[in-house]
Amino acid sequence: MAGILLSSVYNHYLTTYRPKEATQSETHKKDDLRNIYRSIVKSSQKNPVYLMNRDDHAETDAIDLKEQARALQHQLASLGEIGREKAMSSRSAYSSNPDIVEAEYIGDSDEEPPSFSVTVEHLATNQKNKGKGLPDSIVRLAPGNYAFNIRMGEQAYELQYAIKPGDSNKDVQDRLARLINKAGIGLDASVEKDERGNGALTLTSRKTGLPPGKFEQFSITEESESGAKGTVNYFGLDQIEQNASDAHFKINGTLHTSGSNHFTVSRTYELNLKRVSGEYGEALIGVKNKQDSLIEHVHDLVGGYNDFLDSVKGIGSGHFMTGKILNETVRAARTALDGDELPAGIMIDDEGHLSVDEEKLHEAAEIPDDKLAEQMKPVRELAQSLYSMAKGVSLDPMSYITRPIVAYKNPEKAAPPNPYITSEYSGMLFNNYC
């Protein structure tokens, strides 16, 4: 029963917050993951033991809160280094055609970054194998143990499974999909239904582009001697519906290729190719002047804060302490800004939402750099305060869920570290950080 409940919670996470291609602010080194682990250990060492009610869906509320907090962290991190003196006036990139190419500035603000044009001729694609469409009837393979091989680049994997008497095509397809997904080898497996109700086992590589010297991302064969053969042909696992290919694009008229649609240019820009240029023409990439960057940063800060408040209000079982997280967020804003009319035209209303007086914001953007740092200090403090608050929420979202305490830790005896005491659901969802 616990396994079924755990599966439903992870399904909620994967379907609602399926990991997307990470931007620079979402990619981390091993030390970052260690710091997160240590923070969870430190947080949990003195925590009491709680009793969870498996029927109230509180875990999905915790996942929703955690992901909203992570989204706020990402938005604040993208403003610049939170503690840096010039973070709120640092430069940001622009793309004249964001439908074709999105751009983010990742260089040193003291350098004069280059501007250039980008024309997209072909997007990088992943490989997709789509098997035979089979009806939901008894599988026409003899019961027994089977095996097949998947080669990903230089790595080869052998997958083994069993067919039991009475199994249908759907039973075996679902079993294979779970087996491949659980293996964690860089493939996503699913069963796609057609208009007649037939199911086809579909395998898609997570990576795009072609490995060096290869013509495919993965291949499926039956080379194993440890199980019966017939799986690949029967289910059509080796049938390629879409070939993997590299992105082809021009920078200032010079052709380049990339295995991904997301890459950096001269350690200055992070580009994300969205669509082929075609009739849309080229995209011009450059940096905004400091005045425009400041205006954009203030709007991003205010928008991210307001979006977080509104998203928290939409989370919902009776076991979620909405008022607690809302009060903490609004209090962080009021403490940092300390007033009703704030720097750069930022205002806070009675409910805690922020708004911007555009005229005053544009006036602030014209202040010389030597005076701007002091003027924007409350805004930087707000960004830092919100970042710390969001980090704490993402580490332990279960602290905002009503949980009966069943045992306290012995205050006179050091408790052994238990990094997952925050909850088996929230504590183990940090695999997407690296």
Protein backbone atom coordinates (compact mmCIF):
# COMPACT_ATOMS: atom_id res chain seq x y z
CA MET A 1 0.00 0.00 0.00
CA ALA A 2 2.83 2.39 0.90
CA GLY A 3 4.43 1.71 -2.48
CA ILE A 4 1.24 2.68 -4.29
CA LEU A 5 0.96 5.92 -2.30
CA LEU A 6 4.62 6.74 -2.90
CA SER A 7 4.15 6.09 -6.61
CA SER A 8 1.16 8.44 -6.79
CA VAL A 9 3.16 11.23 -5.12
CA TYR A 10 6.08 10.84 -7.50
CA ASN A 11 3.68 10.73 -10.44
CA HIS A 12 2.27 14.07 -9.26
CA TYR A 13 5.82 15.48 -9.14
CA LEU A 14 6.83 14.17 -12.55
CA THR A 15 3.65 15.12 -14.38
CA THR A 16 3.34 18.59 -12.83
CA TYR A 17 7.00 19.56 -12.47
CA ARG A 18 8.76 17.34 -15.01
CA PRO A 19 12.42 18.45 -15.05
CA LYS A 20 13.24 20.65 -18.03
CA GLU A 21 16.61 21.43 -19.50
CA ALA A 22 18.51 23.25 -16.77
CA THR A 23 19.69 26.81 -17.17
CA GLN A 24 22.97 27.98 -15.70
CA SER A 25 21.36 29.10 -12.45
CA GLU A 26 19.82 25.61 -12.04
CA THR A 27 23.00 23.62 -12.65
CA HIS A 28 25.22 22.87 -9.71
CA LYS A 29 28.47 21.20 -8.72
CA LYS A 30 28.79 18.20 -6.41
CA ASP A 31 29.69 20.53 -3.54
CA ASP A 32 26.31 22.26 -3.94
CA LEU A 33 24.52 18.94 -3.51
CA ARG A 34 26.67 18.16 -0.46
CA ASN A 35 25.72 21.52 1.06
CA ILE A 36 22.04 20.75 0.49
CA TYR A 37 22.48 17.34 2.11
CA ARG A 38 24.30 18.85 5.10
CA SER A 39 21.57 21.48 5.47
CA ILE A 40 18.91 18.75 5.61
CA VAL A 41 20.96 16.78 8.15
CA LYS A 42 21.41 19.85 10.35
CA SER A 43 17.74 20.74 10.06
CA SER A 44 16.57 17.25 10.96
CA GLN A 45 18.88 16.36 13.86
CA LYS A 46 16.67 18.00 16.48
CA ASN A 47 13.33 17.58 14.75
CA PRO A 48 10.73 15.46 16.52
CA VAL A 49 9.17 12.45 14.84
CA TYR A 50 5.87 13.18 13.09
CA LEU A 51 2.96 11.00 12.13
CA MET A 52 1.66 11.46 8.58
CA ASN A 53 -1.89 10.70 7.54
CA ARG A 54 -1.56 8.84 4.25
CA ASP A 55 -5.05 9.78 3.11
CA ASP A 56 -4.90 13.60 3.25
CA HIS A 57 -2.61 14.16 0.22
CA ALA A 58 -0.43 16.49 2.29
CA GLU A 59 2.68 15.22 0.51
CA THR A 60 1.51 16.59 -2.84
CA ASP A 61 0.93 19.97 -1.15
CA ALA A 62 4.51 19.83 0.11
CA ILE A 63 5.79 19.09 -3.39
CA ASP A 64 3.78 21.99 -4.81
CA LEU A 65 5.17 24.36 -2.17
CA LYS A 66 8.74 23.11 -2.65
CA GLU A 67 8.63 23.58 -6.43
CA GLN A 68 7.11 27.06 -6.13
CA ALA A 69 9.90 27.99 -3.69
CA ARG A 70 12.50 26.61 -6.10
CA ALA A 71 10.96 28.64 -8.93
CA LEU A 72 11.29 31.79 -6.80
CA GLN A 73 14.92 30.88 -5.98
CA HIS A 74 15.69 30.46 -9.67
CA GLN A 75 14.11 33.78 -10.55
CA LEU A 76 16.02 35.60 -7.83
CA ALA A 77 19.29 33.88 -8.76
CA SER A 78 18.83 34.97 -12.38
CA LEU A 79 18.89 38.61 -11.23
CA GLY A 80 22.57 38.28 -10.47
CA GLU A 81 24.62 37.22 -7.46
CA ILE A 82 22.21 38.03 -4.64
CA GLY A 83 24.79 39.50 -2.27
CA ARG A 84 26.78 41.43 -4.86
CA GLU A 85 26.78 45.22 -4.56
CA LYS A 86 25.80 45.80 -8.20
CA ALA A 87 23.48 42.81 -8.55
CA MET A 88 20.34 44.87 -9.16
CA SER A 89 22.03 47.00 -11.81
CA SER A 90 23.96 44.21 -13.53
CA ARG A 91 23.48 43.77 -17.24
CA SER A 92 20.97 41.46 -18.86
CA ALA A 93 20.80 40.11 -22.38
CA TYR A 94 18.18 40.79 -25.00
CA SER A 95 17.06 38.90 -28.08
CA SER A 96 15.31 40.81 -30.83
CA ASN A 97 13.35 37.64 -31.61
CA PRO A 98 12.87 35.52 -28.46
CA ASP A 99 10.52 33.18 -30.33
CA ILE A 100 13.62 31.99 -32.24
CA VAL A 101 16.41 32.43 -29.68
CA GLU A 102 16.27 33.20 -25.97
CA ALA A 103 19.38 34.79 -24.46
CA GLU A 104 20.77 35.19 -20.94
CA TYR A 105 23.86 37.22 -20.09
CA ILE A 106 26.37 35.25 -17.98
CA GLY A 107 29.52 37.32 -18.48
CA ASP A 108 31.36 39.87 -16.38
CA SER A 109 29.46 43.15 -16.21
CA ASP A 110 32.72 45.10 -16.34
CA GLU A 111 33.50 43.81 -19.83
CA GLU A 112 32.00 45.17 -23.03
CA PRO A 113 30.13 42.13 -24.42
CA PRO A 114 29.83 41.56 -28.17
CA SER A 115 26.58 41.75 -30.11
CA PHE A 116 25.82 39.33 -32.95
CA SER A 117 23.08 37.85 -35.10
CA VAL A 118 21.78 34.27 -34.93
CA THR A 119 19.95 32.39 -37.67
CA VAL A 120 18.58 28.93 -36.79
CA GLU A 121 18.57 26.44 -39.65
CA HIS A 122 17.80 23.24 -37.73
CA LEU A 123 17.01 22.43 -34.11
CA ALA A 124 18.72 19.62 -32.25
CA THR A 125 16.40 16.64 -31.87
CA ASN A 126 16.40 13.51 -29.75
CA GLN A 127 15.93 9.95 -31.01
CA LYS A 128 12.50 8.40 -30.76
CA ASN A 129 11.75 4.73 -31.34
CA LYS A 130 8.09 3.83 -31.68
CA GLY A 131 7.16 0.17 -31.60
CA LYS A 132 4.36 -1.79 -33.23
CA GLY A 133 0.79 -0.92 -32.32
CA LEU A 134 -0.60 -3.99 -30.57
CA PRO A 135 -4.11 -4.72 -29.29
CA ASP A 136 -4.77 -5.36 -25.62
CA SER A 137 -4.91 -9.13 -26.07
CA ILE A 138 -2.83 -12.08 -24.85
CA VAL A 139 0.83 -11.61 -25.72
CA ARG A 140 2.04 -13.96 -28.45
CA LEU A 141 5.36 -14.72 -26.78
CA ALA A 142 5.82 -17.87 -24.74
CA PRO A 143 5.94 -17.43 -20.95
CA GLY A 144 9.48 -17.31 -19.62
CA ASN A 145 12.46 -15.07 -18.94
CA TYR A 146 13.51 -12.62 -21.65
CA ALA A 147 16.39 -10.22 -22.15
CA PHE A 148 17.47 -7.54 -24.62
CA ASN A 149 20.29 -5.00 -24.86
CA ILE A 150 20.29 -1.21 -25.07
CA ARG A 151 23.46 0.59 -26.12
CA MET A 152 23.75 4.28 -25.17
CA GLY A 153 26.95 5.71 -26.66
CA GLU A 154 29.77 3.57 -25.28
CA GLN A 155 27.63 2.06 -22.52
CA ALA A 156 25.74 -1.21 -22.97
CA TYR A 157 22.90 -2.34 -20.70
CA GLU A 158 21.12 -5.66 -20.44
CA LEU A 159 17.49 -5.59 -19.33
CA GLN A 160 15.77 -8.75 -18.14
CA TYR A 161 12.10 -9.36 -17.50
CA ALA A 162 9.57 -12.17 -17.34
CA ILE A 163 6.38 -12.95 -19.23
CA LYS A 164 3.82 -14.79 -17.15
CA PRO A 165 0.97 -16.99 -18.39
CA GLY A 166 -2.07 -14.87 -19.21
CA ASP A 167 -0.13 -11.61 -19.66
CA SER A 168 -1.57 -9.24 -22.26
CA ASN A 169 0.39 -7.05 -24.66
CA LYS A 170 -0.48 -4.07 -22.46
CA ASP A 171 0.78 -5.85 -19.32
CA VAL A 172 4.17 -6.52 -20.87
CA GLN A 173 4.45 -3.08 -22.52
CA ASP A 174 3.71 -1.37 -19.20
CA ARG A 175 6.21 -3.64 -17.45
CA LEU A 176 8.92 -2.81 -19.98
CA ALA A 177 8.18 0.91 -19.74
CA ARG A 178 8.57 0.80 -15.95
CA LEU A 179 11.75 -1.29 -16.26
CA ILE A 180 13.38 1.14 -18.70
CA ASN A 181 12.34 4.26 -16.77
CA LYS A 182 13.55 2.78 -13.48
CA ALA A 183 16.90 1.80 -15.03
CA GLY A 184 17.83 5.49 -15.35
CA ILE A 185 19.91 5.06 -18.50
CA GLY A 186 18.81 8.24 -20.28
CA LEU A 187 15.65 6.93 -21.92
CA ASP A 188 12.02 7.80 -21.28
CA ALA A 189 9.57 5.00 -22.04
CA SER A 190 5.80 5.19 -22.40
CA VAL A 191 2.94 3.36 -24.11
CA GLU A 192 1.15 5.46 -26.73
CA LYS A 193 -2.37 4.61 -27.81
CA ASP A 194 -3.65 5.13 -31.37
CA GLU A 195 -7.21 5.88 -32.50
CA ARG A 196 -8.04 2.15 -32.53
CA GLY A 197 -6.83 1.64 -28.98
CA ASN A 198 -3.66 -0.23 -29.93
CA GLY A 199 -0.65 0.49 -27.75
CA ALA A 200 2.90 1.12 -28.98
CA LEU A 201 5.92 1.11 -26.68
CA THR A 202 7.79 4.37 -27.31
CA LEU A 203 11.37 5.11 -26.25
CA THR A 204 12.79 8.63 -26.37
CA SER A 205 16.35 9.70 -25.57
CA ARG A 206 16.65 12.52 -23.07
CA LYS A 207 19.69 13.92 -24.85
CA THR A 208 19.50 15.62 -28.22
CA GLY A 209 22.10 15.60 -30.97
CA LEU A 210 24.47 12.88 -32.14
CA PRO A 211 27.39 11.53 -30.08
CA PRO A 212 30.77 11.99 -31.84
CA GLY A 213 31.19 9.43 -34.60
CA LYS A 214 27.70 7.97 -34.07
CA PHE A 215 24.55 7.98 -36.18
CA GLU A 216 22.10 7.34 -33.34
CA GLN A 217 21.64 8.07 -29.65
CA PHE A 218 20.80 4.48 -28.77
CA SER A 219 20.32 1.07 -30.35
CA ILE A 220 18.37 -1.99 -29.21
CA THR A 221 19.49 -5.54 -29.98
CA GLU A 222 19.27 -9.05 -28.60
CA GLU A 223 22.83 -10.17 -27.89
CA SER A 224 22.30 -11.59 -24.41
CA GLU A 225 22.59 -15.28 -23.67
CA SER A 226 20.84 -15.00 -20.32
CA GLY A 227 17.26 -14.83 -21.58
CA ALA A 228 14.96 -15.78 -24.43
CA LYS A 229 14.87 -13.64 -27.55
CA GLY A 230 11.93 -12.22 -29.51
CA THR A 231 11.17 -9.02 -27.58
CA VAL A 232 12.73 -6.57 -30.04
CA ASN A 233 10.97 -7.92 -33.12
CA TYR A 234 7.62 -8.55 -31.46
CA PHE A 235 7.27 -5.11 -29.90
CA GLY A 236 9.25 -3.29 -32.63
CA LEU A 237 11.65 -1.72 -30.16
CA ASP A 238 14.26 -1.02 -32.85
CA GLN A 239 11.93 0.94 -35.13
CA ILE A 240 13.19 4.55 -35.31
CA GLU A 241 10.44 7.13 -35.79
CA GLN A 242 12.67 10.20 -35.34
CA ASN A 243 16.45 10.33 -35.76
CA ALA A 244 18.63 12.33 -33.40
CA SER A 245 20.29 15.33 -35.04
CA ASP A 246 22.48 18.30 -34.14
CA ALA A 247 21.37 21.93 -34.16
CA HIS A 248 22.61 23.96 -37.14
CA PHE A 249 22.77 27.73 -36.74
CA LYS A 250 24.72 30.72 -37.99
CA ILE A 251 26.37 33.38 -35.85
CA ASN A 252 27.11 36.48 -37.92
CA GLY A 253 26.78 34.31 -41.04
CA THR A 254 29.23 31.58 -39.90
CA LEU A 255 27.74 28.09 -39.63
CA HIS A 256 27.98 26.26 -36.27
CA THR A 257 26.59 23.01 -34.87
CA SER A 258 25.63 21.91 -31.37
CA GLY A 259 24.32 18.68 -29.89
CA SER A 260 21.92 20.71 -27.74
CA ASN A 261 19.59 23.62 -28.30
CA HIS A 262 20.94 25.11 -25.07
CA PHE A 263 24.58 26.27 -25.04
CA THR A 264 26.91 29.16 -24.21
CA VAL A 265 28.71 31.54 -26.54
CA SER A 266 32.14 32.91 -25.58
CA ARG A 267 31.30 32.40 -21.88
CA THR A 268 29.22 35.53 -22.21
CA TYR A 269 25.76 34.46 -23.37
CA GLU A 270 23.60 31.45 -22.70
CA LEU A 271 21.40 30.79 -25.74
CA ASN A 272 18.32 28.61 -26.04
CA LEU A 273 17.23 27.88 -29.61
CA LYS A 274 13.42 27.74 -29.84
CA ARG A 275 12.51 27.36 -33.53
CA VAL A 276 13.88 27.46 -37.06
CA SER A 277 14.26 31.02 -38.35
CA GLY A 278 12.52 30.49 -41.70
CA GLU A 279 10.25 33.44 -42.41
CA TYR A 280 10.95 34.90 -38.96
CA GLY A 281 14.47 35.93 -39.98
CA GLU A 282 17.46 36.35 -37.71
CA ALA A 283 17.65 37.27 -34.04
CA LEU A 284 19.99 39.99 -32.81
CA ILE A 285 21.66 39.21 -29.48
CA GLY A 286 23.21 41.83 -27.20
CA VAL A 287 23.01 43.37 -23.75
CA LYS A 288 20.66 46.01 -22.51
CA ASN A 289 22.06 49.22 -21.09
CA LYS A 290 22.22 49.43 -17.31
CA GLN A 291 19.08 51.53 -17.05
CA ASP A 292 17.00 48.99 -18.96
CA SER A 293 18.59 46.14 -16.99
CA LEU A 294 17.67 47.74 -13.67
CA ILE A 295 14.07 48.25 -14.78
CA GLU A 296 13.86 44.62 -15.89
CA HIS A 297 15.41 43.33 -12.64
CA VAL A 298 12.94 45.27 -10.49
CA HIS A 299 9.99 43.96 -12.52
CA ASP A 300 11.35 40.39 -12.27
CA LEU A 301 11.75 40.71 -8.51
CA VAL A 302 8.26 42.12 -7.99
CA GLY A 303 6.70 39.62 -10.41
CA GLY A 304 8.44 36.62 -8.85
CA TYR A 305 7.38 37.68 -5.35
CA ASN A 306 3.75 38.24 -6.35
CA ASP A 307 3.61 34.97 -8.32
CA PHE A 308 4.87 33.08 -5.28
CA LEU A 309 2.19 34.62 -3.05
CA ASP A 310 -0.56 33.78 -5.54
CA SER A 311 0.71 30.23 -6.12
CA VAL A 312 0.81 29.54 -2.37
CA LYS A 313 -2.83 30.62 -2.09
CA GLY A 314 -3.70 27.99 -4.71
CA ILE A 315 -2.20 25.11 -2.73
CA GLY A 316 -4.70 23.26 -1.07
CA SER A 317 -5.73 20.71 1.44
CA GLY A 318 -6.89 21.61 4.91
CA HIS A 319 -3.59 20.33 6.27
CA PHE A 320 -1.50 22.96 4.48
CA MET A 321 -0.67 26.01 6.63
CA THR A 322 -1.25 28.66 3.98
CA GLY A 323 -1.33 31.52 6.47
CA LYS A 324 2.06 30.64 7.95
CA ILE A 325 4.00 30.76 4.68
CA LEU A 326 2.10 33.85 3.47
CA ASN A 327 2.84 35.71 6.72
CA GLU A 328 6.52 34.78 6.58
CA THR A 329 6.82 35.93 2.97
CA VAL A 330 5.04 39.24 3.50
CA ARG A 331 6.95 39.87 6.72
CA ALA A 332 10.23 39.36 4.85
CA ALA A 333 9.16 41.99 2.32
CA ARG A 334 7.98 44.52 4.91
CA THR A 335 11.11 44.05 7.03
CA ALA A 336 13.47 44.54 4.10
CA LEU A 337 11.62 47.47 2.57
CA ASP A 338 10.38 49.10 5.80
CA GLY A 339 7.84 51.50 4.37
CA ASP A 340 4.85 52.04 2.10
CA GLU A 341 6.72 53.84 -0.70
CA LEU A 342 10.05 52.27 -1.43
CA PRO A 343 13.15 52.67 -3.63
CA ALA A 344 12.69 52.46 -7.41
CA GLY A 345 8.96 53.10 -7.06
CA ILE A 346 8.19 49.78 -5.35
CA MET A 347 5.06 49.84 -3.19
CA ILE A 348 3.49 47.24 -0.92
CA ASP A 349 -0.27 47.04 -0.35
CA ASP A 350 -2.29 45.88 2.66
CA GLU A 351 -2.32 42.26 1.46
CA GLY A 352 1.44 42.21 0.95
CA HIS A 353 1.52 42.38 -2.84
CA LEU A 354 4.14 44.59 -4.50
CA SER A 355 3.59 47.05 -7.33
CA VAL A 356 5.82 49.47 -9.23
CA ASP A 357 5.43 53.17 -9.95
CA GLU A 358 6.87 53.26 -13.48
CA GLU A 359 7.72 56.95 -13.42
CA LYS A 360 9.74 56.65 -10.20
CA LEU A 361 11.39 53.45 -11.43
CA HIS A 362 12.64 55.22 -14.58
CA GLU A 363 13.87 58.12 -12.44
CA ALA A 364 15.82 55.69 -10.25
CA ALA A 365 17.36 54.08 -13.33
CA GLU A 366 18.97 57.42 -14.21
CA ILE A 367 20.79 57.74 -10.86
CA PRO A 368 24.61 57.55 -11.24
CA ASP A 369 26.19 54.23 -10.26
CA ASP A 370 27.99 55.65 -7.22
CA LYS A 371 24.66 56.71 -5.68
CA LEU A 372 22.53 53.89 -7.05
CA ALA A 373 24.11 51.23 -4.81
CA GLU A 374 22.96 52.97 -1.63
CA GLN A 375 19.57 53.82 -3.11
CA MET A 376 18.92 50.19 -4.05
CA LYS A 377 20.15 48.68 -0.78
CA PRO A 378 16.61 47.90 0.53
CA VAL A 379 15.77 46.20 -2.77
CA ARG A 380 18.90 44.06 -2.58
CA GLU A 381 18.03 43.18 1.01
CA LEU A 382 14.56 42.15 -0.12
CA ALA A 383 16.03 39.87 -2.80
CA GLN A 384 18.43 38.33 -0.25
CA SER A 385 15.68 37.86 2.34
CA LEU A 386 13.33 36.22 -0.15
CA TYR A 387 16.12 33.99 -1.46
CA SER A 388 16.95 32.76 2.06
CA MET A 389 13.28 32.21 2.84
CA ALA A 390 12.69 30.28 -0.40
CA LYS A 391 15.80 28.18 0.24
CA GLY A 392 14.52 27.22 3.68
CA VAL A 393 11.09 26.33 2.31
CA SER A 394 12.53 24.14 -0.44
CA LEU A 395 14.71 22.29 2.10
CA ASP A 396 11.78 21.38 4.36
CA PRO A 397 8.34 22.07 2.86
CA MET A 398 6.83 19.60 5.33
CA SER A 399 7.22 22.19 8.10
CA TYR A 400 4.17 23.90 6.58
CA ILE A 401 2.02 20.79 6.81
CA THR A 402 -0.02 19.96 9.92
CA ARG A 403 1.63 16.90 11.46
CA PRO A 404 0.90 15.37 14.88
CA ILE A 405 4.12 14.92 16.91
CA VAL A 406 4.56 11.36 18.21
CA ALA A 407 8.07 11.54 19.75
CA TYR A 408 10.65 14.16 20.68
CA LYS A 409 14.40 13.76 20.35
CA ASN A 410 16.36 13.34 23.56
CA PRO A 411 17.80 16.85 24.19
CA GLU A 412 20.71 15.39 26.23
CA LYS A 413 21.82 12.88 23.62
CA ALA A 414 23.03 13.63 20.13
CA ALA A 415 20.61 12.19 17.61
CA PRO A 416 22.03 10.29 14.63
CA PRO A 417 21.78 12.25 11.38
CA ASN A 418 18.71 11.37 9.35
CA PRO A 419 18.58 13.51 6.19
CA TYR A 420 15.18 12.21 5.14
CA ILE A 421 13.29 12.82 8.39
CA THR A 422 11.76 15.90 6.73
CA SER A 423 9.68 13.33 4.83
CA GLU A 424 10.38 10.45 2.52
CA TYR A 425 8.62 12.47 -0.17
CA SER A 426 10.25 15.90 0.11
CA GLY A 427 13.74 14.90 1.25
CA MET A 428 14.33 12.50 -1.62
CA LEU A 429 13.29 14.86 -4.39
CA PHE A 430 16.60 16.72 -4.55
CA ASN A 431 17.97 14.59 -7.41
CA ASN A 432 17.06 17.33 -9.92
CA TYR A 433 19.57 19.78 -8.43
CA CYS A 434 22.63 18.33 -10.19
